[in-house]
N, C-alpha and C. Protein backbone atom coordinates (compact mmCIF):
# COMPACT_ATOMS: atom_id res chain seq x y z
N MET A 1 46.45 18.21 -63.47
CA MET A 1 45.68 19.12 -64.28
C MET A 1 44.21 18.67 -64.23
N LEU A 2 43.33 19.62 -63.88
CA LEU A 2 41.91 19.32 -63.89
C LEU A 2 41.37 19.53 -65.30
N ASP A 3 40.44 18.69 -65.69
CA ASP A 3 39.87 18.77 -67.02
C ASP A 3 38.36 18.66 -66.91
N TYR A 4 37.63 19.70 -67.31
CA TYR A 4 36.18 19.69 -67.33
C TYR A 4 35.75 19.69 -68.78
N LYS A 5 34.80 18.85 -69.12
CA LYS A 5 34.35 18.81 -70.50
C LYS A 5 32.86 19.15 -70.55
N PHE A 6 32.53 20.17 -71.26
CA PHE A 6 31.15 20.59 -71.46
C PHE A 6 30.86 20.36 -72.94
N ASP A 7 30.37 19.17 -73.26
CA ASP A 7 30.20 18.73 -74.64
C ASP A 7 31.54 18.85 -75.36
N GLU A 8 31.71 19.80 -76.23
CA GLU A 8 32.98 19.95 -76.95
C GLU A 8 33.90 21.00 -76.31
N MET A 9 33.36 21.74 -75.34
CA MET A 9 34.16 22.76 -74.68
C MET A 9 35.06 22.09 -73.64
N ARG A 10 36.28 22.63 -73.49
CA ARG A 10 37.21 22.07 -72.50
C ARG A 10 37.86 23.18 -71.70
N PHE A 11 38.13 22.86 -70.45
CA PHE A 11 38.75 23.80 -69.53
C PHE A 11 39.81 23.05 -68.73
N HIS A 12 41.03 23.58 -68.72
CA HIS A 12 42.13 22.96 -67.97
C HIS A 12 42.78 24.01 -67.08
N ILE A 13 43.16 23.58 -65.89
CA ILE A 13 43.99 24.43 -65.03
C ILE A 13 45.43 23.98 -65.26
N GLN A 14 46.24 24.87 -65.81
CA GLN A 14 47.65 24.55 -66.03
C GLN A 14 48.48 24.80 -64.79
N ARG A 15 48.22 25.94 -64.14
CA ARG A 15 49.08 26.33 -63.02
C ARG A 15 48.36 27.37 -62.17
N ILE A 16 48.55 27.31 -60.86
CA ILE A 16 48.08 28.32 -59.92
C ILE A 16 49.29 28.79 -59.15
N TYR A 17 49.49 30.11 -59.07
CA TYR A 17 50.71 30.62 -58.47
C TYR A 17 50.50 32.03 -57.90
N ILE A 18 51.45 32.41 -57.04
CA ILE A 18 51.48 33.78 -56.51
C ILE A 18 52.25 34.65 -57.48
N LYS A 19 51.64 35.74 -57.93
CA LYS A 19 52.32 36.66 -58.83
C LYS A 19 53.01 37.79 -58.05
N ASP A 20 52.39 38.22 -56.96
CA ASP A 20 52.97 39.30 -56.17
C ASP A 20 52.36 39.24 -54.77
N ILE A 21 53.22 39.56 -53.76
CA ILE A 21 52.77 39.61 -52.36
C ILE A 21 53.36 40.86 -51.73
N SER A 22 52.54 41.52 -50.90
CA SER A 22 53.03 42.68 -50.16
C SER A 22 52.36 42.69 -48.80
N PHE A 23 53.15 42.88 -47.76
CA PHE A 23 52.62 43.04 -46.40
C PHE A 23 53.35 44.20 -45.76
N GLU A 24 52.58 45.17 -45.28
CA GLU A 24 53.16 46.34 -44.63
C GLU A 24 52.46 46.56 -43.30
N ALA A 25 53.25 46.84 -42.28
CA ALA A 25 52.73 47.22 -40.96
C ALA A 25 53.46 48.50 -40.55
N PRO A 26 53.08 49.63 -41.14
CA PRO A 26 53.86 50.86 -41.01
C PRO A 26 53.90 51.46 -39.61
N ASN A 27 52.94 51.12 -38.77
CA ASN A 27 52.87 51.74 -37.44
C ASN A 27 53.24 50.79 -36.31
N THR A 28 54.02 49.77 -36.62
CA THR A 28 54.49 48.88 -35.56
C THR A 28 55.76 49.49 -34.98
N PRO A 29 56.08 49.28 -33.76
CA PRO A 29 55.38 48.48 -32.76
C PRO A 29 54.30 49.24 -31.99
N GLN A 30 54.16 50.55 -32.23
CA GLN A 30 53.20 51.36 -31.48
C GLN A 30 51.77 50.83 -31.62
N ILE A 31 51.42 50.30 -32.79
CA ILE A 31 50.05 49.83 -33.03
C ILE A 31 49.69 48.66 -32.12
N PHE A 32 50.71 47.90 -31.68
CA PHE A 32 50.46 46.75 -30.81
C PHE A 32 50.01 47.19 -29.41
N GLN A 33 50.23 48.44 -29.06
CA GLN A 33 49.85 48.95 -27.74
C GLN A 33 48.38 49.38 -27.70
N LYS A 34 47.75 49.46 -28.85
CA LYS A 34 46.35 49.90 -28.92
C LYS A 34 45.41 48.70 -28.79
N ASP A 35 44.19 48.97 -28.33
CA ASP A 35 43.15 47.94 -28.30
C ASP A 35 42.81 47.55 -29.73
N TRP A 36 42.68 46.27 -29.97
CA TRP A 36 42.38 45.80 -31.32
C TRP A 36 40.90 45.99 -31.60
N ASN A 37 40.61 47.10 -32.16
CA ASN A 37 39.25 47.43 -32.58
C ASN A 37 39.37 47.94 -34.01
N SER A 38 39.71 47.03 -34.90
CA SER A 38 40.08 47.44 -36.25
C SER A 38 38.89 47.49 -37.19
N LYS A 39 39.09 48.27 -38.22
CA LYS A 39 38.14 48.31 -39.33
C LYS A 39 38.88 47.72 -40.53
N LEU A 40 38.34 46.63 -41.08
CA LEU A 40 38.96 45.98 -42.22
C LEU A 40 38.28 46.43 -43.50
N GLU A 41 39.08 46.66 -44.51
CA GLU A 41 38.57 47.03 -45.84
C GLU A 41 39.17 46.06 -46.85
N LEU A 42 38.33 45.49 -47.69
CA LEU A 42 38.76 44.55 -48.72
C LEU A 42 38.48 45.15 -50.09
N ASN A 43 39.49 45.18 -50.94
CA ASN A 43 39.34 45.58 -52.33
C ASN A 43 39.70 44.40 -53.20
N ILE A 44 38.90 44.19 -54.24
CA ILE A 44 39.06 43.04 -55.13
C ILE A 44 39.11 43.55 -56.56
N ASP A 45 40.01 42.95 -57.33
CA ASP A 45 40.09 43.28 -58.75
C ASP A 45 40.54 42.02 -59.48
N THR A 46 40.05 41.84 -60.68
CA THR A 46 40.51 40.73 -61.52
C THR A 46 40.86 41.27 -62.89
N PHE A 47 41.83 40.63 -63.50
CA PHE A 47 42.15 40.95 -64.89
C PHE A 47 42.75 39.71 -65.53
N SER A 48 42.74 39.69 -66.84
CA SER A 48 43.25 38.52 -67.56
C SER A 48 44.09 38.97 -68.76
N ASN A 49 45.01 38.10 -69.14
CA ASN A 49 45.86 38.30 -70.31
C ASN A 49 45.76 37.06 -71.17
N GLN A 50 45.58 37.25 -72.45
CA GLN A 50 45.59 36.11 -73.36
C GLN A 50 47.04 35.82 -73.74
N LEU A 51 47.52 34.63 -73.37
CA LEU A 51 48.91 34.26 -73.63
C LEU A 51 49.09 33.64 -75.00
N SER A 52 48.08 32.91 -75.45
CA SER A 52 48.05 32.37 -76.80
C SER A 52 46.59 32.15 -77.16
N ASN A 53 46.34 31.47 -78.27
CA ASN A 53 44.97 31.33 -78.76
C ASN A 53 44.01 30.79 -77.71
N GLU A 54 44.42 29.78 -76.95
CA GLU A 54 43.51 29.14 -75.99
C GLU A 54 44.05 29.15 -74.56
N ILE A 55 45.08 29.93 -74.29
CA ILE A 55 45.70 29.96 -72.97
C ILE A 55 45.60 31.37 -72.40
N PHE A 56 45.11 31.46 -71.16
CA PHE A 56 44.88 32.75 -70.51
C PHE A 56 45.49 32.75 -69.11
N GLU A 57 46.05 33.90 -68.75
CA GLU A 57 46.44 34.13 -67.37
C GLU A 57 45.34 34.96 -66.74
N VAL A 58 44.87 34.55 -65.57
CA VAL A 58 43.88 35.30 -64.81
C VAL A 58 44.53 35.67 -63.48
N VAL A 59 44.40 36.94 -63.10
CA VAL A 59 44.98 37.43 -61.85
C VAL A 59 43.86 37.99 -60.98
N LEU A 60 43.83 37.53 -59.76
CA LEU A 60 42.90 38.03 -58.75
C LEU A 60 43.72 38.82 -57.73
N ARG A 61 43.45 40.11 -57.63
CA ARG A 61 44.15 40.95 -56.66
C ARG A 61 43.25 41.19 -55.46
N LEU A 62 43.74 40.80 -54.28
CA LEU A 62 43.04 41.01 -53.02
C LEU A 62 43.88 41.96 -52.17
N THR A 63 43.28 43.05 -51.72
CA THR A 63 43.97 44.00 -50.87
C THR A 63 43.15 44.18 -49.60
N VAL A 64 43.78 43.90 -48.46
CA VAL A 64 43.12 44.05 -47.16
C VAL A 64 43.87 45.12 -46.38
N THR A 65 43.12 46.11 -45.89
CA THR A 65 43.68 47.17 -45.07
C THR A 65 42.97 47.14 -43.72
N ALA A 66 43.75 47.13 -42.64
CA ALA A 66 43.19 47.20 -41.29
C ALA A 66 43.59 48.52 -40.67
N ASN A 67 42.60 49.25 -40.18
CA ASN A 67 42.84 50.54 -39.54
C ASN A 67 42.36 50.49 -38.09
N ILE A 68 43.15 51.10 -37.22
CA ILE A 68 42.74 51.33 -35.84
C ILE A 68 42.73 52.84 -35.68
N ASP A 69 41.55 53.36 -35.43
CA ASP A 69 41.36 54.81 -35.44
C ASP A 69 41.81 55.33 -36.81
N LYS A 70 42.78 56.23 -36.84
CA LYS A 70 43.25 56.77 -38.12
C LYS A 70 44.56 56.14 -38.56
N ASP A 71 45.05 55.18 -37.78
CA ASP A 71 46.34 54.54 -38.08
C ASP A 71 46.14 53.24 -38.85
N ILE A 72 47.02 53.01 -39.81
CA ILE A 72 47.01 51.74 -40.54
C ILE A 72 47.72 50.70 -39.67
N ALA A 73 47.01 49.63 -39.35
CA ALA A 73 47.62 48.52 -38.61
C ALA A 73 48.43 47.67 -39.59
N PHE A 74 47.77 47.27 -40.68
CA PHE A 74 48.50 46.55 -41.73
C PHE A 74 47.81 46.74 -43.07
N LEU A 75 48.58 46.54 -44.10
CA LEU A 75 48.11 46.57 -45.49
C LEU A 75 48.68 45.33 -46.14
N CYS A 76 47.82 44.49 -46.65
CA CYS A 76 48.25 43.22 -47.23
C CYS A 76 47.65 43.09 -48.62
N GLU A 77 48.49 42.81 -49.61
CA GLU A 77 48.01 42.64 -50.98
C GLU A 77 48.60 41.36 -51.57
N VAL A 78 47.73 40.59 -52.18
CA VAL A 78 48.14 39.35 -52.85
C VAL A 78 47.58 39.37 -54.26
N LYS A 79 48.44 39.10 -55.21
CA LYS A 79 47.99 38.86 -56.59
C LYS A 79 48.13 37.37 -56.83
N GLN A 80 47.00 36.68 -56.75
CA GLN A 80 46.94 35.23 -56.96
C GLN A 80 46.60 35.01 -58.43
N ALA A 81 47.39 34.20 -59.10
CA ALA A 81 47.22 34.05 -60.54
C ALA A 81 47.09 32.58 -60.93
N GLY A 82 46.59 32.39 -62.13
CA GLY A 82 46.49 31.05 -62.69
C GLY A 82 46.59 31.11 -64.20
N ILE A 83 47.06 30.01 -64.76
CA ILE A 83 47.09 29.86 -66.22
C ILE A 83 46.07 28.79 -66.56
N PHE A 84 45.17 29.13 -67.47
CA PHE A 84 44.05 28.26 -67.80
C PHE A 84 43.95 28.06 -69.31
N ASN A 85 43.64 26.84 -69.71
CA ASN A 85 43.31 26.55 -71.10
C ASN A 85 41.79 26.65 -71.22
N ILE A 86 41.34 27.46 -72.15
CA ILE A 86 39.92 27.60 -72.43
C ILE A 86 39.76 27.29 -73.91
N ILE A 87 39.28 26.07 -74.18
CA ILE A 87 39.31 25.52 -75.53
C ILE A 87 37.88 25.35 -76.07
N ASP A 88 37.65 25.89 -77.24
CA ASP A 88 36.37 25.76 -77.93
C ASP A 88 35.19 26.25 -77.10
N ILE A 89 35.43 27.30 -76.32
CA ILE A 89 34.36 27.90 -75.54
C ILE A 89 33.98 29.21 -76.23
N PRO A 90 32.70 29.36 -76.58
CA PRO A 90 32.26 30.58 -77.27
C PRO A 90 32.59 31.84 -76.46
N ASP A 91 32.81 32.94 -77.15
CA ASP A 91 33.16 34.20 -76.50
C ASP A 91 32.16 34.61 -75.43
N LEU A 92 30.89 34.31 -75.65
CA LEU A 92 29.85 34.65 -74.68
C LEU A 92 30.16 34.01 -73.33
N TYR A 93 30.63 32.77 -73.33
CA TYR A 93 30.95 32.06 -72.09
C TYR A 93 32.37 32.36 -71.62
N LYS A 94 33.25 32.72 -72.52
CA LYS A 94 34.65 32.97 -72.17
C LYS A 94 34.76 34.09 -71.14
N THR A 95 33.98 35.15 -71.31
CA THR A 95 33.99 36.25 -70.34
C THR A 95 33.62 35.74 -68.96
N HIS A 96 32.62 34.88 -68.88
CA HIS A 96 32.20 34.32 -67.60
C HIS A 96 33.32 33.47 -67.00
N PHE A 97 33.99 32.68 -67.80
CA PHE A 97 35.10 31.88 -67.30
C PHE A 97 36.21 32.77 -66.74
N LEU A 98 36.58 33.81 -67.49
CA LEU A 98 37.70 34.66 -67.11
C LEU A 98 37.39 35.56 -65.92
N ARG A 99 36.15 35.99 -65.77
CA ARG A 99 35.82 36.97 -64.73
C ARG A 99 35.07 36.39 -63.54
N VAL A 100 34.60 35.14 -63.68
CA VAL A 100 33.85 34.53 -62.58
C VAL A 100 34.43 33.17 -62.20
N TYR A 101 34.45 32.26 -63.15
CA TYR A 101 34.85 30.88 -62.86
C TYR A 101 36.30 30.80 -62.38
N CYS A 102 37.22 31.40 -63.10
CA CYS A 102 38.65 31.35 -62.72
C CYS A 102 38.91 32.09 -61.41
N PRO A 103 38.36 33.30 -61.18
CA PRO A 103 38.55 33.93 -59.88
C PRO A 103 37.99 33.10 -58.71
N ASN A 104 36.90 32.38 -58.95
CA ASN A 104 36.37 31.49 -57.91
C ASN A 104 37.37 30.40 -57.57
N ILE A 105 38.10 29.92 -58.55
CA ILE A 105 39.13 28.91 -58.31
C ILE A 105 40.31 29.53 -57.55
N LEU A 106 40.69 30.75 -57.89
CA LEU A 106 41.85 31.41 -57.30
C LEU A 106 41.60 31.95 -55.89
N PHE A 107 40.36 32.30 -55.58
CA PHE A 107 40.06 32.97 -54.32
C PHE A 107 40.52 32.22 -53.07
N PRO A 108 40.25 30.94 -52.93
CA PRO A 108 40.71 30.25 -51.70
C PRO A 108 42.22 30.31 -51.50
N TYR A 109 42.97 30.25 -52.59
CA TYR A 109 44.43 30.34 -52.50
C TYR A 109 44.86 31.72 -52.02
N GLY A 110 44.28 32.76 -52.60
CA GLY A 110 44.62 34.12 -52.20
C GLY A 110 44.18 34.43 -50.77
N SER A 111 43.00 33.94 -50.40
CA SER A 111 42.49 34.15 -49.05
C SER A 111 43.40 33.49 -48.01
N GLU A 112 43.86 32.28 -48.30
CA GLU A 112 44.76 31.57 -47.39
C GLU A 112 46.07 32.31 -47.26
N CYS A 113 46.57 32.85 -48.35
CA CYS A 113 47.83 33.59 -48.35
C CYS A 113 47.71 34.84 -47.47
N ILE A 114 46.61 35.56 -47.59
CA ILE A 114 46.39 36.75 -46.77
C ILE A 114 46.31 36.36 -45.29
N SER A 115 45.56 35.33 -44.98
CA SER A 115 45.45 34.87 -43.60
C SER A 115 46.82 34.54 -43.02
N ASN A 116 47.64 33.86 -43.81
CA ASN A 116 48.97 33.47 -43.38
C ASN A 116 49.85 34.71 -43.13
N LEU A 117 49.84 35.66 -44.04
CA LEU A 117 50.66 36.86 -43.89
C LEU A 117 50.25 37.69 -42.67
N VAL A 118 48.95 37.83 -42.46
CA VAL A 118 48.46 38.61 -41.31
C VAL A 118 48.86 37.93 -40.01
N THR A 119 48.75 36.61 -39.96
CA THR A 119 49.14 35.87 -38.77
C THR A 119 50.64 36.00 -38.52
N ARG A 120 51.44 35.94 -39.57
CA ARG A 120 52.90 36.11 -39.41
C ARG A 120 53.26 37.51 -38.93
N GLY A 121 52.40 38.48 -39.18
CA GLY A 121 52.61 39.83 -38.67
C GLY A 121 52.16 39.97 -37.22
N THR A 122 51.72 38.87 -36.63
CA THR A 122 51.21 38.74 -35.25
C THR A 122 49.93 39.52 -35.00
N PHE A 123 49.17 39.76 -36.05
CA PHE A 123 47.86 40.37 -35.90
C PHE A 123 46.82 39.26 -35.77
N PRO A 124 45.62 39.59 -35.24
CA PRO A 124 44.57 38.57 -35.14
C PRO A 124 44.24 37.96 -36.50
N GLN A 125 43.89 36.69 -36.49
CA GLN A 125 43.59 36.00 -37.75
C GLN A 125 42.53 36.74 -38.56
N THR A 126 42.73 36.74 -39.85
CA THR A 126 41.80 37.36 -40.78
C THR A 126 41.32 36.30 -41.75
N HIS A 127 40.02 36.05 -41.77
CA HIS A 127 39.45 35.10 -42.72
C HIS A 127 38.49 35.86 -43.63
N LEU A 128 38.74 35.80 -44.91
CA LEU A 128 37.88 36.49 -45.87
C LEU A 128 36.65 35.64 -46.14
N THR A 129 35.50 36.28 -46.20
CA THR A 129 34.29 35.56 -46.55
C THR A 129 34.27 35.30 -48.05
N PRO A 130 33.62 34.24 -48.48
CA PRO A 130 33.56 33.96 -49.93
C PRO A 130 32.98 35.14 -50.69
N ILE A 131 33.42 35.27 -51.92
CA ILE A 131 33.00 36.37 -52.79
C ILE A 131 32.09 35.82 -53.89
N ASN A 132 31.03 36.56 -54.19
CA ASN A 132 30.14 36.19 -55.28
C ASN A 132 30.60 36.92 -56.54
N PHE A 133 31.47 36.26 -57.30
CA PHE A 133 32.01 36.89 -58.50
C PHE A 133 30.96 37.07 -59.59
N ASP A 134 29.92 36.24 -59.59
CA ASP A 134 28.80 36.44 -60.52
C ASP A 134 28.17 37.81 -60.27
N GLU A 135 27.93 38.12 -59.01
CA GLU A 135 27.30 39.39 -58.66
C GLU A 135 28.22 40.57 -59.00
N LEU A 136 29.51 40.40 -58.75
CA LEU A 136 30.46 41.47 -59.10
C LEU A 136 30.44 41.75 -60.60
N LEU A 137 30.39 40.70 -61.41
CA LEU A 137 30.34 40.87 -62.86
C LEU A 137 29.04 41.56 -63.27
N LYS A 138 27.93 41.15 -62.69
CA LYS A 138 26.64 41.78 -63.01
C LYS A 138 26.67 43.26 -62.66
N ASN A 139 27.24 43.60 -61.51
CA ASN A 139 27.32 45.01 -61.10
C ASN A 139 28.19 45.82 -62.04
N LYS A 140 29.30 45.26 -62.50
CA LYS A 140 30.16 45.97 -63.45
C LYS A 140 29.45 46.19 -64.76
N ILE A 141 28.70 45.20 -65.22
CA ILE A 141 27.97 45.32 -66.48
C ILE A 141 26.88 46.37 -66.35
N SER A 142 26.14 46.36 -65.23
CA SER A 142 25.05 47.32 -65.10
C SER A 142 25.59 48.75 -64.91
N ILE A 143 26.76 48.91 -64.30
CA ILE A 143 27.35 50.24 -64.16
C ILE A 143 27.75 50.78 -65.53
N LYS A 144 28.33 49.92 -66.39
CA LYS A 144 28.75 50.35 -67.72
C LYS A 144 27.56 50.69 -68.60
N GLU A 145 26.41 50.04 -68.38
CA GLU A 145 25.24 50.28 -69.22
C GLU A 145 24.55 51.61 -68.90
N LYS A 146 24.78 52.14 -67.73
CA LYS A 146 24.08 53.39 -67.32
C LYS A 146 24.67 54.61 -67.98
């Protein structure tokens, strides 16, 4: 268990786990006959559930879709989750922990899982670039304010 102490605030990682995995290759084996000139699309979503007073589940959903022309080569979705203790952290910072800090911790695990699934489907390796969750949060806030 990792423990970070910010004066009186504390943060613990209790558990990191896969909540759900899906891999679909609906157009195989015909798709393997085409030249690999795919268009990849990544969708990201995060959500959290409060399990008790200081314990939260955070889920990072990563969905990667690869298309060749109008055909789907593969669709891969991973819900990477974690249980975190967030103790004595003011609400102002709690949102940042739940929507930025925890997803940053979960992202490498989810990215590795997607890479593994795509490779097992015998498609070319897929490596996701790091995500700036701070920027995603800022964009969501500014969209809601308009």
